Protein backbone atom coordinates (compact mmCIF):
# COMPACT_ATOMS: atom_id res chain seq x y z
CA MET A 1 -0.10 -0.09 -0.65
CA GLN A 2 3.09 2.53 0.61
CA GLU A 3 4.07 1.79 -2.61
CA GLU A 4 0.34 3.06 -3.93
CA ASN A 5 1.16 6.18 -1.88
CA GLN A 6 4.11 7.07 -3.05
CA LYS A 7 2.52 6.57 -6.42
CA ILE A 8 -0.22 8.89 -6.05
CA VAL A 9 1.84 11.30 -4.24
CA ALA A 10 4.40 11.03 -7.42
CA GLN A 11 1.23 11.95 -9.98
CA GLU A 12 -0.17 15.14 -8.13
CA SER A 13 3.14 16.19 -8.43
CA LEU A 14 3.68 16.54 -12.27
CA GLU A 15 1.72 17.88 -15.13
CA MET A 16 -0.12 14.97 -17.61
CA THR A 17 2.01 12.26 -17.67
CA PRO A 18 1.85 9.83 -20.64
CA TYR A 19 -0.64 8.05 -18.97
CA SER A 20 -2.61 10.19 -17.98
CA TRP A 21 -2.77 11.77 -21.99
CA LYS A 22 -3.90 7.86 -22.82
CA VAL A 23 -6.55 7.73 -20.61
CA LEU A 24 -8.08 11.63 -21.48
CA TRP A 25 -7.67 10.07 -24.86
CA PHE A 26 -9.17 7.24 -24.28
CA VAL A 27 -12.01 8.55 -22.63
CA PHE A 28 -12.61 11.60 -25.23
CA PHE A 29 -13.08 9.06 -28.13
CA ALA A 30 -14.87 7.01 -26.04
CA TRP A 31 -17.52 9.94 -25.72
CA VAL A 32 -17.52 10.89 -29.11
CA PHE A 33 -18.16 7.17 -30.41
CA ASP A 34 -21.33 7.34 -27.69
CA ALA A 35 -22.32 10.49 -29.00
CA ALA A 36 -22.36 9.65 -32.86
CA ASP A 37 -24.44 6.43 -31.89
CA GLY A 38 -27.39 8.42 -30.35
CA THR A 39 -27.26 11.61 -33.01
CA ILE A 40 -27.14 8.60 -36.47
CA TYR A 41 -29.96 7.16 -34.35
CA ALA A 42 -31.76 10.15 -34.61
CA LEU A 43 -30.49 10.84 -37.98
CA THR A 44 -31.80 7.64 -39.39
CA LEU A 45 -34.95 7.10 -37.08
CA PRO A 46 -37.19 8.28 -39.64
CA ILE A 47 -35.47 5.67 -42.01
CA ILE A 48 -36.12 2.63 -40.24
CA ARG A 49 -39.58 4.09 -39.26
CA GLU A 50 -40.65 3.94 -42.42
CA GLU A 51 -38.62 0.28 -43.46
CA PHE A 52 -40.34 -1.52 -40.31
CA GLY A 53 -43.52 0.13 -40.43
CA LEU A 54 -42.88 1.92 -37.41
CA SER A 55 -45.75 3.43 -35.28
CA LEU A 56 -45.21 6.61 -33.23
CA TRP A 57 -46.54 4.93 -30.26
CA GLN A 58 -43.90 2.03 -31.00
CA MET A 59 -41.02 4.92 -31.93
CA GLY A 60 -41.30 6.33 -28.43
CA MET A 61 -41.49 2.62 -26.59
CA VAL A 62 -38.19 2.05 -27.79
CA GLY A 63 -36.60 5.99 -27.00
CA SER A 64 -38.12 5.32 -23.42
CA ILE A 65 -36.66 1.20 -23.31
CA PHE A 66 -33.17 3.10 -24.35
CA LEU A 67 -33.57 4.78 -21.67
CA GLY A 68 -34.72 2.19 -19.33
CA GLY A 69 -31.41 0.57 -20.40
CA ALA A 70 -29.02 3.76 -19.18
CA VAL A 71 -30.66 3.60 -16.18
CA ILE A 72 -29.54 0.42 -15.28
CA GLY A 73 -26.37 0.17 -16.38
CA SER A 74 -25.71 3.80 -14.97
CA ILE A 75 -25.64 1.69 -12.12
CA ILE A 76 -24.65 -1.79 -12.64
CA LEU A 77 -21.51 -1.22 -14.52
CA PRO A 78 -20.41 1.52 -12.41
CA TYR A 79 -20.73 -1.25 -8.98
CA LEU A 80 -18.39 -3.97 -11.40
CA ALA A 81 -15.76 -1.05 -11.81
CA ASP A 82 -16.00 -0.39 -8.24
CA ARG A 83 -15.44 -4.16 -7.98
CA LYS A 84 -13.07 -5.40 -10.37
CA GLY A 85 -11.63 -2.00 -12.02
CA ARG A 86 -11.60 1.07 -13.99
CA ARG A 87 -10.31 -0.45 -17.33
CA TRP A 88 -12.54 -3.27 -17.44
CA GLY A 89 -15.85 -1.09 -16.60
CA MET A 90 -14.86 0.98 -19.48
CA ALA A 91 -13.97 -1.95 -21.97
CA GLY A 92 -17.20 -3.51 -20.94
CA CYS A 93 -19.17 -0.20 -21.47
CA ILE A 94 -17.36 0.23 -25.16
CA GLY A 95 -18.22 -3.73 -26.10
CA LEU A 96 -21.38 -3.53 -25.26
CA TYR A 97 -22.69 -0.32 -27.19
CA SER A 98 -20.63 -1.14 -29.69
CA ILE A 99 -21.83 -4.12 -30.53
CA PHE A 100 -24.81 -3.64 -30.03
CA SER A 101 -24.98 -0.39 -32.11
CA GLY A 102 -23.57 -3.10 -35.02
CA PHE A 103 -26.48 -5.14 -34.32
CA THR A 104 -29.11 -2.41 -35.01
CA GLY A 105 -27.88 -2.40 -38.70
CA ILE A 106 -29.53 -5.82 -39.46
CA ALA A 107 -32.35 -5.53 -37.26
CA GLN A 108 -35.45 -6.21 -39.29
CA ASN A 109 -38.57 -5.60 -37.35
CA PHE A 110 -39.21 -3.96 -34.18
CA TYR A 111 -38.62 -6.46 -31.27
CA HIS A 112 -34.53 -6.56 -32.91
CA LEU A 113 -34.47 -2.67 -32.80
CA ALA A 114 -35.96 -2.79 -29.20
CA LEU A 115 -33.40 -5.37 -27.61
CA ALA A 116 -30.22 -3.40 -29.90
CA ARG A 117 -31.20 0.38 -28.62
CA PHE A 118 -31.99 -1.69 -24.89
CA PHE A 119 -28.36 -3.10 -24.68
CA THR A 120 -26.86 0.25 -26.19
CA GLY A 121 -28.15 2.36 -23.97
CA SER A 122 -27.13 0.29 -20.99
CA GLY A 123 -23.78 0.34 -22.50
CA THR A 124 -23.78 4.30 -23.08
CA GLY A 125 -25.40 4.50 -19.20
CA GLY A 126 -22.12 3.52 -17.48
CA GLU A 127 -19.73 4.76 -19.71
CA TRP A 128 -19.88 8.38 -18.08
CA PRO A 129 -19.69 7.57 -14.43
CA ILE A 130 -16.96 5.21 -15.37
CA GLY A 131 -14.90 7.12 -17.29
CA ALA A 132 -15.02 10.38 -15.19
CA ALA A 133 -14.27 8.30 -12.32
CA TYR A 134 -11.36 6.81 -14.27
CA LEU A 135 -10.01 10.19 -15.38
CA SER A 136 -10.41 11.99 -12.38
CA GLU A 137 -8.25 9.68 -10.81
CA VAL A 138 -5.41 9.18 -13.04
CA VAL A 139 -5.34 13.53 -13.34
CA PRO A 140 -3.18 15.72 -11.75
CA ALA A 141 -5.56 18.15 -9.24
CA LYS A 142 -4.71 21.01 -10.60
CA LYS A 143 -5.64 19.40 -14.83
CA ARG A 144 -8.85 17.53 -13.23
CA GLY A 145 -10.84 20.25 -14.67
CA PHE A 146 -8.86 20.86 -17.70
CA ALA A 147 -8.94 16.54 -18.57
CA MET A 148 -13.28 16.72 -17.91
CA GLY A 149 -13.57 19.57 -20.34
CA LEU A 150 -11.50 17.95 -23.16
CA MET A 151 -13.29 14.72 -22.53
CA GLN A 152 -16.84 16.86 -22.38
CA SER A 153 -15.85 17.93 -25.96
CA GLY A 154 -15.90 14.25 -27.40
CA TYR A 155 -19.72 14.98 -27.52
CA PRO A 156 -20.15 17.70 -30.14
CA VAL A 157 -17.41 16.13 -31.79
CA GLY A 158 -19.18 12.84 -32.02
CA TYR A 159 -22.16 14.87 -33.21
CA PHE A 160 -20.23 16.19 -36.75
CA LEU A 161 -18.50 12.32 -37.63
CA ALA A 162 -22.34 11.28 -36.93
CA ALA A 163 -23.53 13.99 -39.54
CA ALA A 164 -20.25 12.76 -42.35
CA ILE A 165 -21.39 9.30 -41.49
CA PHE A 166 -25.03 9.57 -42.08
CA ALA A 167 -24.48 11.67 -45.04
CA GLY A 168 -21.33 9.54 -46.23
CA PHE A 169 -23.97 6.37 -46.30
CA VAL A 170 -27.33 7.66 -46.96
CA GLY A 171 -26.31 10.79 -48.84
CA LEU A 172 -24.77 8.08 -50.78
CA ASN A 173 -27.42 5.70 -50.70
CA LEU A 174 -25.24 2.81 -49.54
CA GLY A 175 -28.29 2.48 -47.18
CA TRP A 176 -28.97 3.30 -43.31
CA ARG A 177 -27.82 -0.02 -41.90
CA GLY A 178 -23.78 0.82 -43.06
CA CYS A 179 -24.19 3.79 -40.12
CA TYR A 180 -24.19 1.14 -37.38
CA PHE A 181 -21.75 -0.75 -38.72
CA ILE A 182 -19.16 1.45 -38.73
CA LEU A 183 -19.67 1.70 -34.87
CA LEU A 184 -18.25 -1.92 -34.38
CA ILE A 185 -15.21 0.36 -34.54
CA PRO A 186 -14.97 1.22 -30.45
CA ALA A 187 -15.18 -2.16 -29.67
CA GLY A 188 -11.76 -2.65 -31.35
CA MET A 189 -10.67 -0.55 -28.28
CA CYS A 190 -11.66 -3.18 -25.60
CA PHE A 191 -8.38 -4.89 -26.38
CA TRP A 192 -6.05 -1.78 -26.45
CA VAL A 193 -7.89 -0.49 -23.05
CA LEU A 194 -7.10 -4.00 -21.38
CA MET A 195 -3.52 -4.15 -23.06
CA THR A 196 -2.00 -1.02 -22.89
CA LEU A 197 -3.51 1.30 -20.07
CA LYS A 198 -2.18 0.50 -16.36
CA GLU A 199 -5.11 -0.05 -13.74
CA SER A 200 -5.53 3.83 -11.47
CA GLU A 201 -3.07 3.91 -8.59
CA ARG A 202 -6.17 5.03 -6.35
CA TRP A 203 -8.74 1.92 -7.30
CA LEU A 204 -5.27 -0.43 -6.58
CA LYS A 205 -5.03 1.63 -3.36
CA GLY A 206 -8.28 0.60 -2.47
CA ARG A 207 -8.16 -3.09 -3.24
CA GLU A 208 -5.39 -3.34 -0.85
CA GLU A 209 -7.66 -1.49 1.57
CA ALA A 210 -10.32 -3.84 0.89
CA LYS A 211 -7.69 -6.64 2.07
CA LEU A 212 -6.91 -5.68 5.34
CA ASP A 213 -10.77 -5.24 5.87
CA ARG A 214 -13.37 -7.47 4.41
CA ASN A 215 -16.35 -5.16 4.74
CA LYS A 216 -14.68 -2.71 2.61
CA ALA A 217 -14.76 -4.90 -0.06
CA ASN A 218 -18.42 -5.53 -0.11
CA VAL A 219 -19.26 -2.55 -2.13
CA SER A 220 -23.14 -1.62 -2.20
CA PHE A 221 -25.76 1.12 -2.26
CA ARG A 222 -25.40 1.12 1.31
CA GLU A 223 -22.30 2.20 1.65
CA LEU A 224 -23.45 5.61 0.18
CA PHE A 225 -26.26 6.34 2.58
CA LYS A 226 -23.45 5.96 5.51
CA PRO A 227 -23.62 9.28 7.62
CA GLU A 228 -20.17 10.14 6.22
CA TYR A 229 -21.28 9.82 2.64
CA ARG A 230 -24.72 10.24 2.77
CA LYS A 231 -23.86 13.94 1.99
CA PHE A 232 -22.00 13.69 -1.01
CA THR A 233 -24.53 11.14 -2.28
CA ILE A 234 -27.60 13.76 -2.11
CA ILE A 235 -25.56 16.74 -3.59
CA GLY A 236 -24.45 14.65 -6.36
CA THR A 237 -28.01 13.42 -7.12
CA LEU A 238 -29.86 16.17 -7.31
CA LEU A 239 -27.02 18.08 -9.04
CA HIS A 240 -27.52 15.18 -12.65
CA ILE A 241 -31.44 15.71 -11.75
CA PHE A 242 -31.26 19.69 -11.97
CA GLY A 243 -28.63 18.79 -14.73
CA GLY A 244 -30.95 16.51 -16.81
CA PHE A 245 -33.49 19.27 -17.17
CA TYR A 246 -31.06 22.00 -18.05
CA SER A 247 -29.10 19.39 -20.95
CA TRP A 248 -33.35 18.89 -22.06
CA GLY A 249 -33.92 22.58 -22.07
CA LEU A 250 -30.78 23.89 -24.07
CA VAL A 251 -29.88 20.73 -26.53
CA LEU A 252 -32.82 18.95 -27.42
CA TRP A 253 -35.39 22.54 -27.44
CA PHE A 254 -33.42 24.83 -29.00
CA PRO A 255 -34.32 23.89 -32.44
CA SER A 256 -38.03 23.52 -31.63
CA VAL A 257 -37.69 27.13 -30.32
CA LEU A 258 -36.51 28.20 -33.50
CA MET A 259 -38.92 26.69 -35.70
CA LEU A 260 -41.86 27.27 -33.69
CA ASP A 261 -41.60 30.53 -31.74
CA PHE A 262 -39.24 32.24 -34.42
CA ASN A 263 -40.33 30.61 -37.82
CA ILE A 264 -37.01 29.51 -39.25
CA ASP A 265 -37.18 27.21 -42.10
CA LYS A 266 -35.61 23.40 -41.17
CA LEU A 267 -32.18 24.09 -42.95
CA THR A 268 -31.39 27.44 -41.41
CA THR A 269 -32.24 25.79 -38.27
CA SER A 270 -29.92 23.15 -38.64
CA TYR A 271 -27.42 25.63 -39.59
CA ILE A 272 -27.91 27.46 -36.44
CA THR A 273 -27.95 24.35 -34.42
CA MET A 274 -24.42 23.31 -35.92
CA PHE A 275 -22.97 26.55 -35.11
CA MET A 276 -24.19 25.83 -31.42
CA TRP A 277 -22.16 22.51 -30.98
CA GLY A 278 -19.70 24.04 -32.41
CA ILE A 279 -19.55 26.73 -29.62
CA ALA A 280 -20.63 24.30 -27.43
CA THR A 281 -17.61 22.51 -28.06
CA ILE A 282 -15.18 25.25 -26.87
CA GLY A 283 -17.29 26.01 -24.08
CA TYR A 284 -16.79 22.67 -22.71
CA VAL A 285 -13.16 22.94 -22.98
CA VAL A 286 -12.95 26.40 -21.83
CA ALA A 287 -15.21 25.62 -18.29
CA GLY A 288 -12.48 23.24 -17.29
CA PRO A 289 -9.73 25.23 -16.80
CA LEU A 290 -11.83 28.13 -15.21
CA SER A 291 -12.65 25.59 -12.97
CA ASP A 292 -9.20 24.68 -11.82
CA LYS A 293 -8.81 28.61 -11.67
CA ILE A 294 -11.54 30.32 -9.74
CA GLY A 295 -12.98 27.06 -8.77
CA ARG A 296 -15.87 25.04 -9.87
CA LYS A 297 -18.87 26.66 -7.63
CA PRO A 298 -18.06 30.51 -8.89
CA THR A 299 -17.87 28.57 -12.83
CA LEU A 300 -20.67 26.55 -12.57
CA THR A 301 -22.41 29.88 -11.06
CA ILE A 302 -21.58 31.89 -14.24
CA PHE A 303 -22.86 29.18 -16.74
CA VAL A 304 -25.84 28.40 -15.52
CA THR A 305 -26.70 31.67 -14.91
CA SER A 306 -25.28 33.44 -17.87
CA SER A 307 -27.91 30.68 -19.98
CA LEU A 308 -30.81 31.62 -17.99
CA ILE A 309 -30.54 35.28 -18.56
CA CYS A 310 -29.77 33.95 -22.41
CA VAL A 311 -33.23 31.88 -22.54
CA SER A 312 -35.12 34.80 -20.72
CA PHE A 313 -34.40 37.00 -23.70
CA ILE A 314 -35.15 34.26 -25.59
CA ASN A 315 -38.39 34.96 -24.18
CA TYR A 316 -38.57 38.72 -25.08
CA LEU A 317 -37.35 38.26 -28.19
CA LYS A 318 -39.72 35.87 -29.95
CA THR A 319 -42.76 39.13 -28.91
CA ILE A 320 -40.66 41.31 -31.45
CA PRO A 321 -41.32 40.82 -35.12
CA GLY A 322 -38.61 40.54 -37.35
CA VAL A 323 -35.56 39.46 -35.09
CA PRO A 324 -32.82 39.55 -37.20
CA LEU A 325 -31.05 36.32 -37.83
CA SER A 326 -27.63 37.81 -36.44
CA ALA A 327 -29.34 37.93 -33.06
CA ILE A 328 -30.50 33.75 -33.08
CA TYR A 329 -26.76 33.31 -33.95
CA VAL A 330 -25.21 35.31 -31.00
CA ILE A 331 -27.98 33.89 -28.88
CA ALA A 332 -27.22 30.03 -30.13
CA ALA A 333 -23.42 31.45 -29.60
CA LEU A 334 -24.86 32.52 -26.09
CA ILE A 335 -26.49 28.87 -25.53
CA GLY A 336 -23.58 27.09 -26.46
CA CYS A 337 -21.07 27.98 -24.21
CA GLY A 338 -23.58 27.57 -21.45
CA MET A 339 -22.92 23.68 -21.86
CA GLY A 340 -19.71 23.95 -20.69
CA ALA A 341 -21.80 23.53 -17.22
CA HIS A 342 -21.59 20.00 -17.56
CA THR A 343 -17.63 19.88 -17.75
CA VAL A 344 -18.45 21.37 -14.06
CA LEU A 345 -21.15 19.03 -13.57
CA ILE A 346 -19.41 16.07 -14.11
CA SER A 347 -15.93 17.19 -12.69
CA TYR A 348 -17.26 18.43 -9.02
CA SER A 349 -19.41 15.06 -8.68
CA SER A 350 -16.77 12.40 -9.92
CA GLU A 351 -14.42 14.41 -6.90
CA ILE A 352 -17.32 14.42 -3.87
CA PHE A 353 -17.11 10.48 -3.23
CA PRO A 354 -14.39 7.62 -1.81
CA SER A 355 -12.48 5.96 -4.10
CA HIS A 356 -13.90 2.66 -3.36
CA VAL A 357 -17.74 3.57 -4.36
CA ARG A 358 -16.84 6.61 -7.15
CA SER A 359 -18.18 5.19 -9.82
CA LEU A 360 -20.92 3.38 -8.08
CA GLY A 361 -21.73 7.25 -6.57
CA LEU A 362 -21.36 8.57 -9.67
CA GLY A 363 -23.47 5.82 -11.66
CA LEU A 364 -26.13 6.12 -9.08
CA ALA A 365 -26.25 9.89 -9.30
CA VAL A 366 -26.50 9.95 -13.20
CA ALA A 367 -29.30 6.92 -13.14
CA VAL A 368 -31.47 8.70 -10.59
CA GLY A 369 -30.59 11.69 -12.83
CA LYS A 370 -31.61 10.15 -15.85
CA GLY A 371 -34.50 8.48 -14.80
CA THR A 372 -35.69 12.01 -13.13
CA SER A 373 -35.30 13.77 -16.53
CA MET A 374 -37.32 11.37 -18.05
CA LEU A 375 -39.91 13.65 -17.04
CA ALA A 376 -38.92 16.71 -18.77
CA PRO A 377 -40.31 16.28 -22.37
CA PHE A 378 -43.94 15.40 -20.51
CA ILE A 379 -43.29 18.61 -18.65
CA LEU A 380 -41.68 20.85 -21.19
CA GLY A 381 -44.26 19.57 -23.72
CA VAL A 382 -47.37 20.94 -21.51
CA ILE A 383 -45.60 24.36 -20.95
CA ALA A 384 -45.29 24.29 -24.41
CA GLN A 385 -48.47 23.96 -25.86
CA LYS A 386 -50.46 25.70 -23.24
CA TYR A 387 -47.59 28.87 -23.44
CA SER A 388 -44.49 28.47 -25.93
CA VAL A 389 -41.73 26.41 -26.60
CA SER A 390 -39.41 29.40 -25.50
CA ALA A 391 -41.72 29.26 -21.90
CA GLY A 392 -40.42 25.50 -21.89
CA VAL A 393 -37.04 25.98 -21.90
CA LEU A 394 -36.80 28.84 -19.60
CA VAL A 395 -38.43 26.54 -17.00
CA ALA A 396 -36.47 23.20 -17.41
CA VAL A 397 -33.43 26.30 -17.14
CA CYS A 398 -35.01 27.70 -14.04
CA ILE A 399 -34.68 24.31 -12.74
CA GLY A 400 -31.17 23.74 -14.39
CA TRP A 401 -29.67 26.62 -12.11
CA LEU A 402 -30.98 24.86 -8.66
CA MET A 403 -27.28 23.17 -9.44
CA VAL A 404 -25.89 26.52 -8.24
CA PRO A 405 -27.41 26.44 -4.63
CA THR A 406 -27.15 22.57 -4.68
CA ILE A 407 -23.10 22.56 -5.48
CA PHE A 408 -22.22 25.11 -2.64
CA THR A 409 -23.60 23.08 -0.12
CA GLY A 410 -20.73 20.80 -0.28
CA PRO A 411 -17.18 21.50 -0.65
CA GLU A 412 -14.96 23.13 -2.95
CA THR A 413 -13.04 20.41 -5.02
CA ALA A 414 -10.80 22.72 -7.44
CA GLN A 415 -7.16 21.72 -7.25
CA LYS A 416 -7.78 19.23 -4.27
CA ARG A 417 -6.19 16.08 -4.06
CA LEU A 418 -9.33 13.63 -3.94
CA GLU A 419 -8.02 12.38 -0.81
CA ASP A 420 -8.66 15.71 0.92
CA ILE A 421 -11.83 16.26 -0.81
CA ILE A 422 -13.24 13.36 1.31
CA THR A 423 -11.42 11.21 4.04
CA SER A 424 -12.82 7.64 3.78
CA PRO A 425 -12.82 5.80 7.35
CA THR A 426 -12.42 2.10 7.81
CA ILE A 427 -15.84 1.04 7.02
CA GLY A 428 -17.84 -1.12 9.37
CA GLN A 429 -16.75 1.25 12.61
């Protein structure tokens, strides 16, 4: 155990090491393909619906099945990662979603599609908490925000990759199925991970401690609700619940705001949305180093509050006839920047749990957040129906703003060693 402690101290005293960079680029590309899968599904769904003769009810059911798989994966796979290691956890997630994304390409009916999307969702659900836990444990304290920001920037990169894959296959009349066969590529990453990446020193230290304390080896959800960890579990869970509404409002409903409230045509809406994602890439990357410098709490406050002001302004603009397109692009840029809040969200929630239950704690927070935010489309739909889509987005961002008072109930984590944020006592005492 002394050897692991020495390695951890040495790791914290250095800049990013080649090993840290390997893990960072690994989780980055894993997140790229995760985002690419979801985007390709959204792009190909109209074609799949026509070929399979799916009803709107069946389309919605497949979406719910996918989310159900994501919730289950967010719990089970992080649990395994805390027991068997971060490498095996990530390899399992990537292998699961990659193989079943490929299975989508050979689906012949609704049942095949539902099965494929369930297991794809399970893999993607576990990836975020395990990847964030792995990264937070191998990156120096003063670089954790930077690393998480770069990881998060993989999502918009995946969005553009999916658009390119879709254009290449469907645009050239090669069929939609090939899009999913491309997503088998990440499965090859699993072998690379297991052959070249080392296990997290902090996780190894936790395993050594478990040999001295059998109770500590029995990781369970009960552990997260013991008095010494309960507060952090509640904070992390609330952050992901509010963050889920924030994401639904800004990402999924913004195109509808453009088309329904501002009467912008579909082609122009697609350009504005792509522009927003391009800026979001910058927002993700900038939020990380900024939070390393000034703290997680101030950075989250800045990004979420600016989004709230921006969405409030949108609700004002829709009452004015003839809003110039340039103003819409400015709003899209500000909303893209606001997505940087997710960098702080995942950074903070991966730091507040002790190493022996870090993946499990983060997985539970993500799972509850995903499960609760499934209510968001219904709630926002009711508001949009009665008032406007912009009003629904405003409500979502207001709920998202509750991340600010929530994070202020916990400790500041920027530039602190993980061991200094929360001290893990001997389990069972």
